[in-house]
Amino acid sequence: MSENREPSSVRLAGTLGIAGLCSGLILVGVYLATLPRIQQNQAEAMQAAIYKVLPNASAIEPLALKGDQLVPFTGPAGAPTKERLIYLGKDARGDVVGYAVPAEGPGFQDTIKLLYGYDPSRRAVIGMEVLESRETPGLGDKIIFDPHFKANFEELKVEPKLELVKKGEKTAPNQVDAITGATISCRAVVSILNQSTQEWLPRIGDGASKTARVPGGQP
């Protein structure tokens, strides 16, 4: 009778290598096949969020940051791009109703990505939607859907800066009522907005003209 021999280490390594290669190719193939649909879903989600934070907008125009200027972006709103974009909202008459601005920063668990609407004529945030968050379920994730917390951002003055206070202690138009038990996540949202408005508001301007004028573009 012939003795059963164990496969050599070279053969085992080769088999594992081939299996790993095949698995990798399958994963890459699945990713490439599903990527267009994923990007389409992301674009649709972004567009839906834009109209939520700019409820009076009937048309959206993406603007790209070039140096220190905002210029028209030729791609559709919400489309994947490496450009830094914000979104100009106009009503049916073509008058500016505000800007939708993406922002992100560290939360309690991970990065929080959000979108907020800004009206330069009122110097106020007029809406906020959390796009991505991994905050603690039942606590920190309340920043996504808690109606009282989201109501803070319907007419929130940005000057001198946004300030988080305990729930029920809001006395000024630039203050945000925190969610009980989710103070860290609420503070993260306020911090993200403060950093973002400090960066973007000087570029957006004061909104003195009812018709948007973008450097390098047409009214």
Protein backbone atom coordinates (compact mmCIF):
# COMPACT_ATOMS: atom_id res chain seq x y z
CA MET A 1 0.00 0.00 0.00
CA SER A 2 1.22 3.47 -0.84
CA GLU A 3 1.68 5.86 2.02
CA ASN A 4 -0.51 9.00 2.20
CA ARG A 5 1.76 11.95 1.82
CA GLU A 6 0.89 15.41 3.05
CA PRO A 7 1.00 18.08 0.33
CA SER A 8 4.13 20.13 0.30
CA SER A 9 4.19 23.64 1.72
CA VAL A 10 4.85 24.99 -1.79
CA ARG A 11 1.72 23.30 -3.11
CA LEU A 12 -0.35 24.58 -0.19
CA ALA A 13 0.94 28.13 -0.69
CA GLY A 14 0.18 27.93 -4.40
CA THR A 15 -3.36 26.67 -3.77
CA LEU A 16 -4.03 29.40 -1.22
CA GLY A 17 -2.58 32.01 -3.55
CA ILE A 18 -4.82 30.93 -6.43
CA ALA A 19 -7.87 30.86 -4.15
CA GLY A 20 -7.04 34.33 -2.85
CA LEU A 21 -6.54 35.65 -6.37
CA CYS A 22 -9.87 34.22 -7.53
CA SER A 23 -11.66 35.69 -4.50
CA GLY A 24 -10.08 39.07 -5.11
CA LEU A 25 -11.08 39.05 -8.77
CA ILE A 26 -14.66 38.15 -7.83
CA LEU A 27 -14.83 40.98 -5.28
CA VAL A 28 -13.40 43.48 -7.75
CA GLY A 29 -15.84 42.30 -10.41
CA VAL A 30 -18.83 42.65 -8.08
CA TYR A 31 -17.66 46.11 -6.99
CA LEU A 32 -17.22 47.33 -10.56
CA ALA A 33 -20.58 45.88 -11.58
CA THR A 34 -22.44 47.55 -8.71
CA LEU A 35 -20.49 50.84 -8.63
CA PRO A 36 -22.71 52.70 -11.15
CA ARG A 37 -25.82 51.82 -9.16
CA ILE A 38 -24.17 52.81 -5.88
CA GLN A 39 -23.13 56.16 -7.35
CA GLN A 40 -26.61 56.71 -8.75
CA ASN A 41 -28.16 56.01 -5.34
CA GLN A 42 -25.72 58.41 -3.69
CA ALA A 43 -26.52 61.12 -6.23
CA GLU A 44 -30.25 60.66 -5.71
CA ALA A 45 -29.84 60.75 -1.93
CA MET A 46 -27.79 63.94 -2.17
CA GLN A 47 -30.34 65.65 -4.41
CA ALA A 48 -33.16 64.67 -2.05
CA ALA A 49 -31.21 66.07 0.91
CA ILE A 50 -30.52 69.32 -0.97
CA TYR A 51 -34.21 69.97 -1.48
CA LYS A 52 -34.88 69.17 2.19
CA VAL A 53 -32.41 71.77 3.46
CA LEU A 54 -33.54 74.27 0.79
CA PRO A 55 -37.30 73.66 0.85
CA ASN A 56 -38.14 76.69 -1.31
CA ALA A 57 -35.75 75.75 -4.11
CA SER A 58 -37.09 74.58 -7.46
CA ALA A 59 -33.71 74.36 -9.20
CA ILE A 60 -30.20 73.49 -8.05
CA GLU A 61 -26.89 74.63 -9.56
CA PRO A 62 -23.67 72.93 -8.39
CA LEU A 63 -20.74 75.25 -7.74
CA ALA A 64 -17.12 74.13 -7.50
CA LEU A 65 -14.40 75.73 -5.43
CA LYS A 66 -11.51 76.89 -7.59
CA GLY A 67 -8.89 78.57 -5.45
CA ASP A 68 -10.96 81.00 -3.40
CA GLN A 69 -13.74 81.38 -5.96
CA LEU A 70 -16.96 79.54 -6.67
CA VAL A 71 -17.48 78.67 -10.33
CA PRO A 72 -20.25 76.74 -12.11
CA PHE A 73 -19.79 72.97 -12.12
CA THR A 74 -20.88 71.18 -15.27
CA GLY A 75 -21.80 67.87 -13.65
CA PRO A 76 -25.24 67.08 -12.18
CA ALA A 77 -26.02 67.81 -8.54
CA GLY A 78 -24.94 64.94 -6.32
CA ALA A 79 -22.78 63.24 -8.98
CA PRO A 80 -19.49 61.66 -7.77
CA THR A 81 -16.58 64.04 -8.19
CA LYS A 82 -13.29 65.00 -6.58
CA GLU A 83 -14.28 68.66 -6.77
CA ARG A 84 -15.37 70.45 -3.62
CA LEU A 85 -18.97 71.42 -4.31
CA ILE A 86 -21.77 73.42 -2.77
CA TYR A 87 -25.21 73.83 -4.30
CA LEU A 88 -26.98 77.06 -5.18
CA GLY A 89 -30.76 76.89 -4.86
CA LYS A 90 -33.14 79.10 -6.84
CA ASP A 91 -36.90 79.46 -6.83
CA ALA A 92 -39.18 79.38 -9.86
CA ARG A 93 -38.39 83.05 -10.66
CA GLY A 94 -34.65 82.43 -10.58
CA ASP A 95 -34.08 84.20 -7.27
CA VAL A 96 -31.58 82.75 -4.82
CA VAL A 97 -33.14 80.96 -1.85
CA GLY A 98 -29.90 79.70 -0.34
CA TYR A 99 -26.96 77.33 -0.57
CA ALA A 100 -26.71 73.66 0.38
CA VAL A 101 -23.28 72.94 1.86
CA PRO A 102 -21.81 69.48 2.58
CA ALA A 103 -19.71 69.23 5.74
CA GLU A 104 -18.14 66.50 7.84
CA GLY A 105 -16.12 65.97 10.98
CA PRO A 106 -15.46 63.56 13.86
CA GLY A 107 -18.36 62.32 15.94
CA PHE A 108 -18.46 60.11 19.03
CA GLN A 109 -18.03 56.87 17.02
CA ASP A 110 -16.86 57.88 13.56
CA THR A 111 -17.05 60.62 10.97
CA ILE A 112 -20.38 62.43 10.70
CA LYS A 113 -21.32 63.68 7.24
CA LEU A 114 -24.09 66.21 6.92
CA LEU A 115 -25.64 68.79 4.61
CA TYR A 116 -26.99 72.14 5.71
CA GLY A 117 -28.91 74.90 4.01
CA TYR A 118 -27.70 78.48 4.39
CA ASP A 119 -29.54 81.71 3.56
CA PRO A 120 -26.98 84.52 3.15
CA SER A 121 -29.64 87.25 3.29
CA ARG A 122 -30.68 86.12 6.78
CA ARG A 123 -27.21 84.93 7.84
CA ALA A 124 -28.86 81.76 9.06
CA VAL A 125 -28.81 78.00 8.69
CA ILE A 126 -32.26 77.02 7.39
CA GLY A 127 -32.05 73.23 7.39
CA MET A 128 -29.78 70.31 8.26
CA GLU A 129 -29.72 66.65 7.22
CA VAL A 130 -27.29 63.99 8.45
CA LEU A 131 -26.05 62.06 5.42
CA GLU A 132 -23.90 59.48 7.19
CA SER A 133 -23.41 58.62 10.84
CA ARG A 134 -22.38 55.65 12.94
CA GLU A 135 -23.29 57.19 16.27
CA THR A 136 -24.59 54.97 19.09
CA PRO A 137 -28.00 53.49 18.23
CA GLY A 138 -30.75 54.85 20.44
CA LEU A 139 -28.58 57.73 21.68
CA GLY A 140 -26.20 59.51 19.33
CA ASP A 141 -28.11 58.48 16.24
CA LYS A 142 -31.00 60.70 17.39
CA ILE A 143 -29.21 63.54 15.59
CA ILE A 144 -30.58 61.98 12.40
CA PHE A 145 -34.30 61.95 13.18
CA ASP A 146 -35.09 63.72 16.47
CA PRO A 147 -37.65 66.38 15.43
CA HIS A 148 -36.84 68.81 18.24
CA PHE A 149 -33.13 68.70 17.49
CA LYS A 150 -33.65 69.13 13.74
CA ALA A 151 -35.98 72.08 14.39
CA ASN A 152 -32.96 73.95 15.80
CA PHE A 153 -31.65 74.32 12.26
CA GLU A 154 -34.73 75.81 10.60
CA GLU A 155 -33.73 79.38 11.53
CA LEU A 156 -30.35 79.24 13.26
CA LYS A 157 -28.26 82.40 13.21
CA VAL A 158 -24.58 81.81 12.50
CA GLU A 159 -23.26 84.90 14.31
CA PRO A 160 -21.25 85.21 16.41
CA LYS A 161 -21.09 81.40 16.17
CA LEU A 162 -23.31 78.42 16.90
CA GLU A 163 -23.52 77.40 20.54
CA LEU A 164 -24.79 74.16 22.09
CA VAL A 165 -26.85 74.41 25.28
CA LYS A 166 -28.71 71.92 27.45
CA LYS A 167 -32.18 71.00 26.27
CA GLY A 168 -34.68 73.65 27.30
CA GLU A 169 -32.06 76.34 27.94
CA LYS A 170 -32.03 77.91 24.47
CA THR A 171 -32.47 81.68 24.75
CA ALA A 172 -30.63 83.06 21.70
CA PRO A 173 -31.12 82.54 17.94
CA ASN A 174 -27.59 81.14 17.54
CA GLN A 175 -28.08 78.42 20.17
CA VAL A 176 -28.87 74.72 19.66
CA ASP A 177 -30.79 72.62 22.18
CA ALA A 178 -28.89 69.38 22.80
CA ILE A 179 -30.51 65.95 22.93
CA THR A 180 -30.49 64.47 26.42
CA GLY A 181 -28.07 61.51 26.47
CA ALA A 182 -26.51 62.47 23.13
CA THR A 183 -24.59 65.60 24.06
CA ILE A 184 -21.33 64.48 22.44
CA SER A 185 -22.97 63.79 19.08
CA CYS A 186 -24.89 67.09 19.24
CA ARG A 187 -21.69 68.94 20.07
CA ALA A 188 -20.02 67.27 17.09
CA VAL A 189 -22.75 68.54 14.74
CA VAL A 190 -22.41 72.09 16.09
CA SER A 191 -18.62 71.94 15.78
CA ILE A 192 -18.84 70.69 12.18
CA LEU A 193 -21.20 73.53 11.29
CA ASN A 194 -19.04 76.17 12.96
CA GLN A 195 -15.96 75.01 11.07
CA SER A 196 -17.82 74.79 7.78
CA THR A 197 -19.51 78.19 8.02
CA GLN A 198 -16.20 79.78 8.91
CA GLU A 199 -14.76 78.39 5.69
CA TRP A 200 -17.65 78.82 3.27
CA LEU A 201 -19.53 81.95 4.30
CA PRO A 202 -16.81 84.41 3.21
CA ARG A 203 -16.87 82.77 -0.23
CA ILE A 204 -20.65 82.81 -0.47
CA GLY A 205 -20.90 86.50 0.43
CA ASP A 206 -23.77 88.45 1.94
CA GLY A 207 -26.42 87.62 -0.63
CA ALA A 208 -27.21 91.29 -1.26
CA SER A 209 -28.32 90.56 -4.82
CA LYS A 210 -31.46 88.47 -5.36
CA THR A 211 -29.85 87.02 -8.46
CA ALA A 212 -26.76 84.94 -7.81
CA ARG A 213 -23.55 86.18 -9.32
CA VAL A 214 -20.76 83.65 -9.31
CA PRO A 215 -17.18 84.77 -10.05
CA GLY A 216 -16.46 83.78 -13.62
CA GLY A 217 -20.11 83.00 -14.34
CA GLN A 218 -23.23 84.78 -15.54
CA PRO A 219 -26.02 86.24 -13.38
